[in-house]
Amino acid sequence: MSPTHVDVIATTISGSIQDWGKVARIAPLFQERGMHDVALHVADSHAQARVLARDAVTSGGRLIVSAGGSGTFAAVLEGCCDARVPLSELRLGFLRKGSADLIGKVLGMPDDVEAAIAVFVEAIEHDVTVPCDVLEALSEANGPPPRHFVGYGGAEIFGRIPHYTENRFIKYYKGILGQFFGDLGPFTTGMILALSEQLVRRPFRRGREWRIIVDGSEAMVGRFQALIVVNGYLGPDLAFTSAPLGSGAFYLFALRDLGTRALLGQARHARDGSIMDDPERWGLVSFTASETLTLRPDGPMPFPVNVDGSTILCTAGAVIRRVDAIRLLAAGRTEGR
């Protein structure tokens, strides 16, 4: 296997209908630019993408490109972790072919597949990378296996979004939404549906009280409409912090429960970023964790935690911790090496 061997893990149905046609063009475009040792692995699900990524790394692959949206990227990252090799040995790329591909934008990856391949070839040739912390999410009790992710996660309204955006049938309507409304169309639709669900249920039940524990110390107790975790700047669409993805810390932004009347305003200002201009007015509080963050609700009912577009069901509490770092292929020659 050559030092410039590239394994591309692509999901068949990610992003808009137009995006679906990108898969067949990937390998030929690499070859046109002089990189002939390219293996294209096509997956029909995120679970299959995870297995393909694991197998590629186990077989010696060190240059991995995820071709899909945030869910595909998270699955490929999980596969890299499953291979049990030092993540420092890997270079991971994000070919934008999906919904909510925020990290791909931050890395400077074009939406056009031909331009994106040109960026990848230059990044591989010159080892142009951006360091990125890897987070792990797990349930405090009786939960599924831990999940690894980069980018964003969360609970309450944010934890509910994947319910509307990540099942097999919805993949098709996501393609239609992405075609007409861009790569954030499905994410925005999921956000609207989760918000609507909260508004409908709110008059009939009181919100949970959450205990927020940062690096082992209790930081706050309260009721929140949304709990949003990011590990750095994710572009203007989720611009809660300007910190780089590899800062050595990660961040919780919690939207306090100010009542039903305030919820729509809170959501609107959070979505367009203006909430950062007057966070106190809109009930936004923030916390910085260097190692661990625990989100523990009152009551025994399990709750979903969003891990970069998919869900882990947690019981008792959710623990999020920084466990490793990986280098992401990026545009330009000034970011890292």
C-alpha atoms as a PDB file:
ATOM      1  CA  MET A   1       0.000   0.000   0.000  1.00  0.00           C
ATOM      2  CA  SER A   2       1.508   3.337  -1.061  1.00  0.00           C
ATOM      3  CA  PRO A   3       1.974   6.244   1.386  1.00  0.00           C
ATOM      4  CA  THR A   4      -0.633   8.154  -0.603  1.00  0.00           C
ATOM      5  CA  HIS A   5      -3.209   5.365  -0.683  1.00  0.00           C
ATOM      6  CA  VAL A   6      -6.640   6.918  -0.045  1.00  0.00           C
ATOM      7  CA  ASP A   7      -9.695   5.105   1.275  1.00  0.00           C
ATOM      8  CA  VAL A   8     -12.957   6.914   0.518  1.00  0.00           C
ATOM      9  CA  ILE A   9     -16.006   5.853   2.547  1.00  0.00           C
ATOM     10  CA  ALA A  10     -19.141   7.095   0.786  1.00  0.00           C
ATOM     11  CA  THR A  11     -22.788   6.695   1.736  1.00  0.00           C
ATOM     12  CA  THR A  12     -25.175   6.275  -1.164  1.00  0.00           C
ATOM     13  CA  ILE A  13     -27.951   8.546   0.104  1.00  0.00           C
ATOM     14  CA  SER A  14     -26.581  11.669   1.763  1.00  0.00           C
ATOM     15  CA  GLY A  15     -27.514  15.255   1.076  1.00  0.00           C
ATOM     16  CA  SER A  16     -29.559  16.514  -1.844  1.00  0.00           C
ATOM     17  CA  ILE A  17     -30.628  14.453  -4.843  1.00  0.00           C
ATOM     18  CA  GLN A  18     -27.883  16.168  -6.824  1.00  0.00           C
ATOM     19  CA  ASP A  19     -25.334  15.103  -4.177  1.00  0.00           C
ATOM     20  CA  TRP A  20     -26.179  11.439  -4.702  1.00  0.00           C
ATOM     21  CA  GLY A  21     -24.462  11.569  -8.093  1.00  0.00           C
ATOM     22  CA  LYS A  22     -21.115  12.650  -6.646  1.00  0.00           C
ATOM     23  CA  VAL A  23     -20.030   9.160  -5.566  1.00  0.00           C
ATOM     24  CA  ALA A  24     -19.206   7.805  -9.028  1.00  0.00           C
ATOM     25  CA  ARG A  25     -16.997  10.815  -9.805  1.00  0.00           C
ATOM     26  CA  ILE A  26     -14.721  10.607  -6.758  1.00  0.00           C
ATOM     27  CA  ALA A  27     -12.131   8.013  -7.815  1.00  0.00           C
ATOM     28  CA  PRO A  28     -11.795   9.257 -11.436  1.00  0.00           C
ATOM     29  CA  LEU A  29     -11.229  12.821 -10.210  1.00  0.00           C
ATOM     30  CA  PHE A  30      -8.441  11.673  -7.874  1.00  0.00           C
ATOM     31  CA  GLN A  31      -6.885   9.758 -10.764  1.00  0.00           C
ATOM     32  CA  GLU A  32      -7.061  12.790 -13.063  1.00  0.00           C
ATOM     33  CA  ARG A  33      -4.907  14.627 -10.523  1.00  0.00           C
ATOM     34  CA  GLY A  34      -2.276  11.902 -10.394  1.00  0.00           C
ATOM     35  CA  MET A  35      -3.489   9.922  -7.358  1.00  0.00           C
ATOM     36  CA  HIS A  36      -4.232   6.439  -8.676  1.00  0.00           C
ATOM     37  CA  ASP A  37      -4.141   4.440  -5.433  1.00  0.00           C
ATOM     38  CA  VAL A  38      -7.712   5.242  -4.368  1.00  0.00           C
ATOM     39  CA  ALA A  39     -10.181   2.718  -2.982  1.00  0.00           C
ATOM     40  CA  LEU A  40     -13.851   3.694  -2.993  1.00  0.00           C
ATOM     41  CA  HIS A  41     -15.979   1.901  -0.396  1.00  0.00           C
ATOM     42  CA  VAL A  42     -19.721   2.466  -0.802  1.00  0.00           C
ATOM     43  CA  ALA A  43     -22.038   2.066   2.190  1.00  0.00           C
ATOM     44  CA  ASP A  44     -25.803   1.958   2.304  1.00  0.00           C
ATOM     45  CA  SER A  45     -25.973   2.967   5.982  1.00  0.00           C
ATOM     46  CA  HIS A  46     -23.955   4.674   8.682  1.00  0.00           C
ATOM     47  CA  ALA A  47     -23.436   1.325  10.408  1.00  0.00           C
ATOM     48  CA  GLN A  48     -21.899  -0.111   7.245  1.00  0.00           C
ATOM     49  CA  ALA A  49     -19.743   3.018   6.790  1.00  0.00           C
ATOM     50  CA  ARG A  50     -18.358   2.493  10.286  1.00  0.00           C
ATOM     51  CA  VAL A  51     -17.374  -1.104   9.493  1.00  0.00           C
ATOM     52  CA  LEU A  52     -15.802  -0.140   6.176  1.00  0.00           C
ATOM     53  CA  ALA A  53     -13.738   2.598   7.845  1.00  0.00           C
ATOM     54  CA  ARG A  54     -12.564   0.206  10.558  1.00  0.00           C
ATOM     55  CA  ASP A  55     -11.546  -2.398   7.995  1.00  0.00           C
ATOM     56  CA  ALA A  56      -9.715   0.174   5.865  1.00  0.00           C
ATOM     57  CA  VAL A  57      -7.636   1.404   8.812  1.00  0.00           C
ATOM     58  CA  THR A  58      -7.009  -2.119  10.106  1.00  0.00           C
ATOM     59  CA  SER A  59      -5.700  -3.032   6.647  1.00  0.00           C
ATOM     60  CA  GLY A  60      -3.166  -0.213   6.788  1.00  0.00           C
ATOM     61  CA  GLY A  61      -5.078   2.768   5.441  1.00  0.00           C
ATOM     62  CA  ARG A  62      -3.997   6.079   6.960  1.00  0.00           C
ATOM     63  CA  LEU A  63      -5.659   8.574   4.598  1.00  0.00           C
ATOM     64  CA  ILE A  64      -9.417   8.310   5.062  1.00  0.00           C
ATOM     65  CA  VAL A  65     -12.016  10.482   3.333  1.00  0.00           C
ATOM     66  CA  SER A  66     -15.653  10.523   4.436  1.00  0.00           C
ATOM     67  CA  ALA A  67     -18.055  11.332   1.588  1.00  0.00           C
ATOM     68  CA  GLY A  68     -21.402  12.214   3.122  1.00  0.00           C
ATOM     69  CA  GLY A  69     -22.945  14.434   5.762  1.00  0.00           C
ATOM     70  CA  SER A  70     -22.284  14.792   9.466  1.00  0.00           C
ATOM     71  CA  GLY A  71     -23.752  11.348  10.211  1.00  0.00           C
ATOM     72  CA  THR A  72     -21.425   9.658   7.728  1.00  0.00           C
ATOM     73  CA  PHE A  73     -18.449  11.583   9.066  1.00  0.00           C
ATOM     74  CA  ALA A  74     -19.291  10.541  12.640  1.00  0.00           C
ATOM     75  CA  ALA A  75     -19.613   6.892  11.538  1.00  0.00           C
ATOM     76  CA  VAL A  76     -16.261   6.990   9.739  1.00  0.00           C
ATOM     77  CA  LEU A  77     -14.632   8.544  12.793  1.00  0.00           C
ATOM     78  CA  GLU A  78     -16.105   5.745  14.927  1.00  0.00           C
ATOM     79  CA  GLY A  79     -14.649   3.205  12.520  1.00  0.00           C
ATOM     80  CA  CYS A  80     -11.232   4.824  12.851  1.00  0.00           C
ATOM     81  CA  CYS A  81     -11.515   4.551  16.644  1.00  0.00           C
ATOM     82  CA  ASP A  82     -12.665   0.925  16.377  1.00  0.00           C
ATOM     83  CA  ALA A  83      -9.458   0.038  14.512  1.00  0.00           C
ATOM     84  CA  ARG A  84      -7.461   0.665  17.698  1.00  0.00           C
ATOM     85  CA  VAL A  85      -4.577   2.465  15.999  1.00  0.00           C
ATOM     86  CA  PRO A  86      -3.262   5.814  17.261  1.00  0.00           C
ATOM     87  CA  LEU A  87      -5.440   8.525  15.754  1.00  0.00           C
ATOM     88  CA  SER A  88      -2.328  10.666  15.412  1.00  0.00           C
ATOM     89  CA  GLU A  89      -1.273   8.357  12.557  1.00  0.00           C
ATOM     90  CA  LEU A  90      -4.405   9.132  10.529  1.00  0.00           C
ATOM     91  CA  ARG A  91      -5.515  11.944   8.260  1.00  0.00           C
ATOM     92  CA  LEU A  92      -9.288  12.265   7.968  1.00  0.00           C
ATOM     93  CA  GLY A  93     -11.066  14.230   5.243  1.00  0.00           C
ATOM     94  CA  PHE A  94     -14.638  15.469   4.867  1.00  0.00           C
ATOM     95  CA  LEU A  95     -15.992  15.470   1.310  1.00  0.00           C
ATOM     96  CA  ARG A  96     -19.211  17.442   1.568  1.00  0.00           C
ATOM     97  CA  LYS A  97     -22.052  15.285   0.291  1.00  0.00           C
ATOM     98  CA  GLY A  98     -24.718  15.592   2.905  1.00  0.00           C
ATOM     99  CA  SER A  99     -26.698  17.621   5.392  1.00  0.00           C
ATOM    100  CA  ALA A 100     -25.301  19.840   8.160  1.00  0.00           C
ATOM    101  CA  ASP A 101     -21.741  19.288   6.951  1.00  0.00           C
ATOM    102  CA  LEU A 102     -20.528  22.103   9.183  1.00  0.00           C
ATOM    103  CA  ILE A 103     -17.014  20.796   9.775  1.00  0.00           C
ATOM    104  CA  GLY A 104     -16.473  20.389   6.039  1.00  0.00           C
ATOM    105  CA  LYS A 105     -17.204  24.092   5.608  1.00  0.00           C
ATOM    106  CA  VAL A 106     -14.872  25.077   8.461  1.00  0.00           C
ATOM    107  CA  LEU A 107     -12.110  23.043   6.790  1.00  0.00           C
ATOM    108  CA  GLY A 108     -12.622  25.058   3.612  1.00  0.00           C
ATOM    109  CA  MET A 109     -13.927  22.142   1.563  1.00  0.00           C
ATOM    110  CA  PRO A 110     -15.863  23.255  -1.550  1.00  0.00           C
ATOM    111  CA  ASP A 111     -19.297  21.826  -2.250  1.00  0.00           C
ATOM    112  CA  ASP A 112     -18.330  21.101  -5.853  1.00  0.00           C
ATOM    113  CA  VAL A 113     -16.802  17.634  -5.964  1.00  0.00           C
ATOM    114  CA  GLU A 114     -14.135  18.482  -8.566  1.00  0.00           C
ATOM    115  CA  ALA A 115     -12.908  21.473  -6.549  1.00  0.00           C
ATOM    116  CA  ALA A 116     -13.020  19.398  -3.353  1.00  0.00           C
ATOM    117  CA  ILE A 117     -10.831  16.651  -4.828  1.00  0.00           C
ATOM    118  CA  ALA A 118      -8.317  19.295  -5.896  1.00  0.00           C
ATOM    119  CA  VAL A 119      -8.182  20.519  -2.282  1.00  0.00           C
ATOM    120  CA  PHE A 120      -7.728  16.962  -0.980  1.00  0.00           C
ATOM    121  CA  VAL A 121      -4.856  16.251  -3.363  1.00  0.00           C
ATOM    122  CA  GLU A 122      -3.027  19.414  -2.295  1.00  0.00           C
ATOM    123  CA  ALA A 123      -3.734  18.746   1.386  1.00  0.00           C
ATOM    124  CA  ILE A 124      -2.382  15.185   1.101  1.00  0.00           C
ATOM    125  CA  GLU A 125       0.696  16.231  -0.855  1.00  0.00           C
ATOM    126  CA  HIS A 126       1.613  18.983   1.634  1.00  0.00           C
ATOM    127  CA  ASP A 127       0.088  17.454   4.786  1.00  0.00           C
ATOM    128  CA  VAL A 128      -2.217  20.438   5.301  1.00  0.00           C
ATOM    129  CA  THR A 129      -4.284  19.629   8.364  1.00  0.00           C
ATOM    130  CA  VAL A 130      -6.247  21.124  11.231  1.00  0.00           C
ATOM    131  CA  PRO A 131      -6.041  19.468  14.680  1.00  0.00           C
ATOM    132  CA  CYS A 132      -9.399  18.441  16.082  1.00  0.00           C
ATOM    133  CA  ASP A 133     -10.295  17.081  19.512  1.00  0.00           C
ATOM    134  CA  VAL A 134     -12.294  13.850  19.656  1.00  0.00           C
ATOM    135  CA  LEU A 135     -15.103  13.632  22.197  1.00  0.00           C
ATOM    136  CA  GLU A 136     -16.666  10.520  23.712  1.00  0.00           C
ATOM    137  CA  ALA A 137     -20.267  10.343  24.934  1.00  0.00           C
ATOM    138  CA  LEU A 138     -21.559   7.587  27.204  1.00  0.00           C
ATOM    139  CA  SER A 139     -24.407   6.836  29.557  1.00  0.00           C
ATOM    140  CA  GLU A 140     -23.733   6.892  33.282  1.00  0.00           C
ATOM    141  CA  ALA A 141     -25.740   3.708  33.819  1.00  0.00           C
ATOM    142  CA  ASN A 142     -27.086   0.781  31.787  1.00  0.00           C
ATOM    143  CA  GLY A 143     -26.376   2.419  28.486  1.00  0.00           C
ATOM    144  CA  PRO A 144     -25.159   1.452  25.028  1.00  0.00           C
ATOM    145  CA  PRO A 145     -21.455   1.452  24.127  1.00  0.00           C
ATOM    146  CA  PRO A 146     -19.722   4.851  24.145  1.00  0.00           C
ATOM    147  CA  ARG A 147     -19.855   6.970  21.007  1.00  0.00           C
ATOM    148  CA  HIS A 148     -17.077   9.141  19.606  1.00  0.00           C
ATOM    149  CA  PHE A 149     -17.745  12.376  17.771  1.00  0.00           C
ATOM    150  CA  VAL A 150     -16.407  15.766  16.788  1.00  0.00           C
ATOM    151  CA  GLY A 151     -18.405  18.886  16.067  1.00  0.00           C
ATOM    152  CA  TYR A 152     -21.628  19.125  18.014  1.00  0.00           C
ATOM    153  CA  GLY A 153     -23.968  17.254  20.320  1.00  0.00           C
ATOM    154  CA  GLY A 154     -26.596  18.003  22.926  1.00  0.00           C
ATOM    155  CA  ALA A 155     -29.757  17.146  24.808  1.00  0.00           C
ATOM    156  CA  GLU A 156     -33.366  18.340  25.276  1.00  0.00           C
ATOM    157  CA  ILE A 157     -34.512  19.961  21.984  1.00  0.00           C
ATOM    158  CA  PHE A 158     -31.066  19.471  20.462  1.00  0.00           C
ATOM    159  CA  GLY A 159     -31.079  15.835  21.524  1.00  0.00           C
ATOM    160  CA  ARG A 160     -34.415  15.280  19.821  1.00  0.00           C
ATOM    161  CA  ILE A 161     -33.411  16.533  16.360  1.00  0.00           C
ATOM    162  CA  PRO A 162     -31.916  13.199  15.153  1.00  0.00           C
ATOM    163  CA  HIS A 163     -35.299  11.533  15.756  1.00  0.00           C
ATOM    164  CA  TYR A 164     -36.600  13.521  12.798  1.00  0.00           C
ATOM    165  CA  THR A 165     -33.512  13.451  10.605  1.00  0.00           C
ATOM    166  CA  GLU A 166     -31.873  10.036  11.020  1.00  0.00           C
ATOM    167  CA  ASN A 167     -33.959   7.091   9.958  1.00  0.00           C
ATOM    168  CA  ARG A 168     -33.964   5.215   6.694  1.00  0.00           C
ATOM    169  CA  PHE A 169     -37.212   6.587   5.222  1.00  0.00           C
ATOM    170  CA  ILE A 170     -36.314  10.160   6.147  1.00  0.00           C
ATOM    171  CA  LYS A 171     -33.141   9.865   4.088  1.00  0.00           C
ATOM    172  CA  TYR A 172     -35.297  10.320   1.006  1.00  0.00           C
ATOM    173  CA  TYR A 173     -37.141  13.403   2.175  1.00  0.00           C
ATOM    174  CA  LYS A 174     -33.780  14.785   3.325  1.00  0.00           C
ATOM    175  CA  GLY A 175     -32.582  14.512  -0.254  1.00  0.00           C
ATOM    176  CA  ILE A 176     -35.558  16.539  -1.439  1.00  0.00           C
ATOM    177  CA  LEU A 177     -35.149  19.144   1.323  1.00  0.00           C
ATOM    178  CA  GLY A 178     -31.464  19.433   0.579  1.00  0.00           C
ATOM    179  CA  GLN A 179     -32.169  19.898  -3.115  1.00  0.00           C
ATOM    180  CA  PHE A 180     -34.456  22.868  -2.519  1.00  0.00           C
ATOM    181  CA  PHE A 181     -33.178  24.414   0.728  1.00  0.00           C
ATOM    182  CA  GLY A 182     -29.462  23.568   0.806  1.00  0.00           C
ATOM    183  CA  ASP A 183     -27.449  21.332   3.127  1.00  0.00           C
ATOM    184  CA  LEU A 184     -29.032  22.769   6.276  1.00  0.00           C
ATOM    185  CA  GLY A 185     -32.561  22.109   5.026  1.00  0.00           C
ATOM    186  CA  PRO A 186     -32.947  18.745   6.817  1.00  0.00           C
ATOM    187  CA  PHE A 187     -31.259  20.028  10.006  1.00  0.00           C
ATOM    188  CA  THR A 188     -33.520  23.083  10.069  1.00  0.00           C
ATOM    189  CA  THR A 189     -36.574  20.917   9.479  1.00  0.00           C
ATOM    190  CA  GLY A 190     -35.534  18.606  12.323  1.00  0.00           C
ATOM    191  CA  MET A 191     -35.034  21.619  14.568  1.00  0.00           C
ATOM    192  CA  ILE A 192     -38.489  22.984  13.715  1.00  0.00           C
ATOM    193  CA  LEU A 193     -40.164  19.623  14.359  1.00  0.00           C
ATOM    194  CA  ALA A 194     -38.338  19.137  17.677  1.00  0.00           C
ATOM    195  CA  LEU A 195     -39.259  22.673  18.696  1.00  0.00           C
ATOM    196  CA  SER A 196     -42.900  22.128  17.708  1.00  0.00           C
ATOM    197  CA  GLU A 197     -42.985  18.919  19.739  1.00  0.00           C
ATOM    198  CA  GLN A 198     -41.706  20.820  22.762  1.00  0.00           C
ATOM    199  CA  LEU A 199     -44.336  23.537  22.338  1.00  0.00           C
ATOM    200  CA  VAL A 200     -47.148  20.969  22.093  1.00  0.00           C
ATOM    201  CA  ARG A 201     -46.011  18.963  25.117  1.00  0.00           C
ATOM    202  CA  ARG A 202     -44.997  21.897  27.300  1.00  0.00           C
ATOM    203  CA  PRO A 203     -48.478  22.760  28.678  1.00  0.00           C
ATOM    204  CA  PHE A 204     -48.914  19.167  29.872  1.00  0.00           C
ATOM    205  CA  ARG A 205     -45.610  18.490  31.583  1.00  0.00           C
ATOM    206  CA  ARG A 206     -42.924  20.315  33.449  1.00  0.00           C
ATOM    207  CA  GLY A 207     -39.400  20.288  32.072  1.00  0.00           C
ATOM    208  CA  ARG A 208     -36.659  18.266  33.703  1.00  0.00           C
ATOM    209  CA  GLU A 209     -34.195  19.800  36.107  1.00  0.00           C
ATOM    210  CA  TRP A 210     -30.600  19.285  35.017  1.00  0.00           C
ATOM    211  CA  ARG A 211     -27.426  19.142  37.044  1.00  0.00           C
ATOM    212  CA  ILE A 212     -24.396  20.345  35.073  1.00  0.00           C
ATOM    213  CA  ILE A 213     -21.029  19.044  36.283  1.00  0.00           C
ATOM    214  CA  VAL A 214     -17.879  20.422  34.644  1.00  0.00           C
ATOM    215  CA  ASP A 215     -14.533  18.681  35.195  1.00  0.00           C
ATOM    216  CA  GLY A 216     -15.867  17.035  38.359  1.00  0.00           C
ATOM    217  CA  SER A 217     -17.375  20.160  39.962  1.00  0.00           C
ATOM    218  CA  GLU A 218     -21.053  21.089  39.990  1.00  0.00           C
ATOM    219  CA  ALA A 219     -21.477  24.231  37.888  1.00  0.00           C
ATOM    220  CA  MET A 220     -25.236  24.792  37.741  1.00  0.00           C
ATOM    221  CA  VAL A 221     -28.637  23.261  38.425  1.00  0.00           C
ATOM    222  CA  GLY A 222     -31.668  24.375  36.434  1.00  0.00           C
ATOM    223  CA  ARG A 223     -34.266  23.732  33.774  1.00  0.00           C
ATOM    224  CA  PHE A 224     -33.192  24.098  30.162  1.00  0.00           C
ATOM    225  CA  GLN A 225     -34.876  23.996  26.766  1.00  0.00           C
ATOM    226  CA  ALA A 226     -31.705  23.005  24.937  1.00  0.00           C
ATOM    227  CA  LEU A 227     -28.225  21.814  25.878  1.00  0.00           C
ATOM    228  CA  ILE A 228     -25.723  22.267  23.050  1.00  0.00           C
ATOM    229  CA  VAL A 229     -22.182  20.863  23.117  1.00  0.00           C
ATOM    230  CA  VAL A 230     -19.552  21.969  20.598  1.00  0.00           C
ATOM    231  CA  ASN A 231     -15.828  21.334  20.501  1.00  0.00           C
ATOM    232  CA  GLY A 232     -15.019  24.541  18.634  1.00  0.00           C
ATOM    233  CA  TYR A 233     -16.054  26.959  15.924  1.00  0.00           C
ATOM    234  CA  LEU A 234     -18.455  25.349  13.449  1.00  0.00           C
ATOM    235  CA  GLY A 235     -19.010  28.288  11.131  1.00  0.00           C
ATOM    236  CA  PRO A 236     -21.732  30.953  11.065  1.00  0.00           C
ATOM    237  CA  ASP A 237     -24.514  28.364  11.219  1.00  0.00           C
ATOM    238  CA  LEU A 238     -23.486  27.285  14.737  1.00  0.00           C
ATOM    239  CA  ALA A 239     -21.230  30.124  15.859  1.00  0.00           C
ATOM    240  CA  PHE A 240     -21.412  29.810  19.635  1.00  0.00           C
ATOM    241  CA  THR A 241     -17.635  29.956  20.097  1.00  0.00           C
ATOM    242  CA  SER A 242     -14.650  31.153  18.092  1.00  0.00           C
ATOM    243  CA  ALA A 243     -12.294  28.572  19.638  1.00  0.00           C
ATOM    244  CA  PRO A 244     -10.555  26.214  17.170  1.00  0.00           C
ATOM    245  CA  LEU A 245     -11.609  22.560  16.969  1.00  0.00           C
ATOM    246  CA  GLY A 246      -8.353  21.458  18.581  1.00  0.00           C
ATOM    247  CA  SER A 247      -8.276  23.923  21.476  1.00  0.00           C
ATOM    248  CA  GLY A 248      -7.975  21.217  24.146  1.00  0.00           C
ATOM    249  CA  ALA A 249     -11.379  22.144  25.553  1.00  0.00           C
ATOM    250  CA  PHE A 250     -15.038  21.801  24.630  1.00  0.00           C
ATOM    251  CA  TYR A 251     -18.064  23.913  25.387  1.00  0.00           C
ATOM    252  CA  LEU A 252     -21.622  23.638  26.661  1.00  0.00           C
ATOM    253  CA  PHE A 253     -24.201  26.275  25.769  1.00  0.00           C
ATOM    254  CA  ALA A 254     -27.400  25.844  27.774  1.00  0.00           C
ATOM    255  CA  LEU A 255     -30.641  27.622  26.922  1.00  0.00           C
ATOM    256  CA  ARG A 256     -32.491  28.218  30.176  1.00  0.00           C
ATOM    257  CA  ASP A 257     -36.205  27.481  30.401  1.00  0.00           C
ATOM    258  CA  LEU A 258     -37.818  30.941  30.363  1.00  0.00           C
ATOM    259  CA  GLY A 259     -41.296  29.632  29.614  1.00  0.00           C
ATOM    260  CA  THR A 260     -43.283  28.810  26.486  1.00  0.00           C
ATOM    261  CA  ARG A 261     -43.670  32.420  25.369  1.00  0.00           C
ATOM    262  CA  ALA A 262     -39.922  32.958  25.249  1.00  0.00           C
ATOM    263  CA  LEU A 263     -39.064  29.684  23.508  1.00  0.00           C
ATOM    264  CA  LEU A 264     -39.655  30.759  19.900  1.00  0.00           C
ATOM    265  CA  GLY A 265     -37.593  33.908  20.385  1.00  0.00           C
ATOM    266  CA  GLN A 266     -34.818  31.926  22.018  1.00  0.00           C
ATOM    267  CA  ALA A 267     -34.767  29.443  19.139  1.00  0.00           C
ATOM    268  CA  ARG A 268     -34.756  32.165  16.486  1.00  0.00           C
ATOM    269  CA  HIS A 269     -31.910  34.103  18.065  1.00  0.00           C
ATOM    270  CA  ALA A 270     -29.925  30.922  18.690  1.00  0.00           C
ATOM    271  CA  ARG A 271     -30.362  29.885  15.050  1.00  0.00           C
ATOM    272  CA  ASP A 272     -29.116  33.180  13.568  1.00  0.00           C
ATOM    273  CA  GLY A 273     -26.350  33.685  16.154  1.00  0.00           C
ATOM    274  CA  SER A 274     -27.709  36.968  17.508  1.00  0.00           C
ATOM    275  CA  ILE A 275     -28.223  35.298  20.890  1.00  0.00           C
ATOM    276  CA  MET A 276     -24.509  35.874  21.527  1.00  0.00           C
ATOM    277  CA  ASP A 277     -25.095  39.647  21.432  1.00  0.00           C
ATOM    278  CA  ASP A 278     -27.278  39.517  24.568  1.00  0.00           C
ATOM    279  CA  PRO A 279     -27.042  36.009  26.079  1.00  0.00           C
ATOM    280  CA  GLU A 280     -28.457  37.019  29.468  1.00  0.00           C
ATOM    281  CA  ARG A 281     -31.680  38.332  27.932  1.00  0.00           C
ATOM    282  CA  TRP A 282     -32.291  35.067  26.096  1.00  0.00           C
ATOM    283  CA  GLY A 283     -31.214  32.796  28.935  1.00  0.00           C
ATOM    284  CA  LEU A 284     -28.012  31.480  27.405  1.00  0.00           C
ATOM    285  CA  VAL A 285     -25.338  30.270  29.823  1.00  0.00           C
ATOM    286  CA  SER A 286     -22.024  28.707  28.813  1.00  0.00           C
ATOM    287  CA  PHE A 287     -19.439  26.397  30.357  1.00  0.00           C
ATOM    288  CA  THR A 288     -15.945  25.293  29.301  1.00  0.00           C
ATOM    289  CA  ALA A 289     -14.718  21.769  30.020  1.00  0.00           C
ATOM    290  CA  SER A 290     -11.146  20.613  29.599  1.00  0.00           C
ATOM    291  CA  GLU A 291     -11.738  16.932  30.416  1.00  0.00           C
ATOM    292  CA  THR A 292     -15.326  15.908  31.299  1.00  0.00           C
ATOM    293  CA  LEU A 293     -18.865  17.221  31.248  1.00  0.00           C
ATOM    294  CA  THR A 294     -21.773  15.457  32.951  1.00  0.00           C
ATOM    295  CA  LEU A 295     -25.433  16.244  32.183  1.00  0.00           C
ATOM    296  CA  ARG A 296     -27.626  14.622  34.827  1.00  0.00           C
ATOM    297  CA  PRO A 297     -31.423  15.090  34.834  1.00  0.00           C
ATOM    298  CA  ASP A 298     -33.765  14.478  37.719  1.00  0.00           C
ATOM    299  CA  GLY A 299     -35.847  11.328  37.408  1.00  0.00           C
ATOM    300  CA  PRO A 300     -34.991   7.878  36.028  1.00  0.00           C
ATOM    301  CA  MET A 301     -36.349   8.230  32.485  1.00  0.00           C
ATOM    302  CA  PRO A 302     -33.785   7.623  29.698  1.00  0.00           C
ATOM    303  CA  PHE A 303     -33.099  10.572  27.414  1.00  0.00           C
ATOM    304  CA  PRO A 304     -31.526  10.965  23.959  1.00  0.00           C
ATOM    305  CA  VAL A 305     -28.196  12.705  23.449  1.00  0.00           C
ATOM    306  CA  ASN A 306     -27.305  14.030  20.019  1.00  0.00           C
ATOM    307  CA  VAL A 307     -23.812  12.971  18.920  1.00  0.00           C
ATOM    308  CA  ASP A 308     -23.113  14.817  15.682  1.00  0.00           C
ATOM    309  CA  GLY A 309     -26.422  13.949  14.062  1.00  0.00           C
ATOM    310  CA  SER A 310     -27.201  10.555  15.590  1.00  0.00           C
ATOM    311  CA  THR A 311     -28.474   9.497  19.015  1.00  0.00           C
ATOM    312  CA  ILE A 312     -27.239   7.692  22.092  1.00  0.00           C
ATOM    313  CA  LEU A 313     -29.851   6.862  24.738  1.00  0.00           C
ATOM    314  CA  CYS A 314     -28.579   7.682  28.225  1.00  0.00           C
ATOM    315  CA  THR A 315     -29.795   6.647  31.665  1.00  0.00           C
ATOM    316  CA  ALA A 316     -29.043   8.504  34.933  1.00  0.00           C
ATOM    317  CA  GLY A 317     -26.793  10.965  33.120  1.00  0.00           C
ATOM    318  CA  ALA A 318     -24.659  11.590  30.073  1.00  0.00           C
ATOM    319  CA  VAL A 319     -20.892  11.912  30.347  1.00  0.00           C
ATOM    320  CA  ILE A 320     -18.982  13.675  27.587  1.00  0.00           C
ATOM    321  CA  ARG A 321     -15.226  13.705  27.707  1.00  0.00           C
ATOM    322  CA  ARG A 322     -12.279  14.674  25.538  1.00  0.00           C
ATOM    323  CA  VAL A 323     -10.355  11.479  24.802  1.00  0.00           C
ATOM    324  CA  ASP A 324      -8.089  12.032  21.794  1.00  0.00           C
ATOM    325  CA  ALA A 325      -7.303  14.233  18.810  1.00  0.00           C
ATOM    326  CA  ILE A 326      -7.112  13.667  15.065  1.00  0.00           C
ATOM    327  CA  ARG A 327      -5.846  15.753  12.167  1.00  0.00           C
ATOM    328  CA  LEU A 328      -8.374  16.767   9.518  1.00  0.00           C
ATOM    329  CA  LEU A 329      -7.396  17.471   5.919  1.00  0.00           C
ATOM    330  CA  ALA A 330      -8.000  21.141   5.152  1.00  0.00           C
ATOM    331  CA  ALA A 331      -7.745  23.768   2.430  1.00  0.00           C
ATOM    332  CA  GLY A 332      -4.714  26.072   2.257  1.00  0.00           C
ATOM    333  CA  ARG A 333      -1.102  25.610   3.302  1.00  0.00           C
ATOM    334  CA  THR A 334      -1.040  27.677   6.475  1.00  0.00           C
ATOM    335  CA  GLU A 335      -3.105  25.780   9.045  1.00  0.00           C
ATOM    336  CA  GLY A 336      -0.985  23.020  10.378  1.00  0.00           C
ATOM    337  CA  ARG A 337       1.804  20.485   9.549  1.00  0.00           C
END
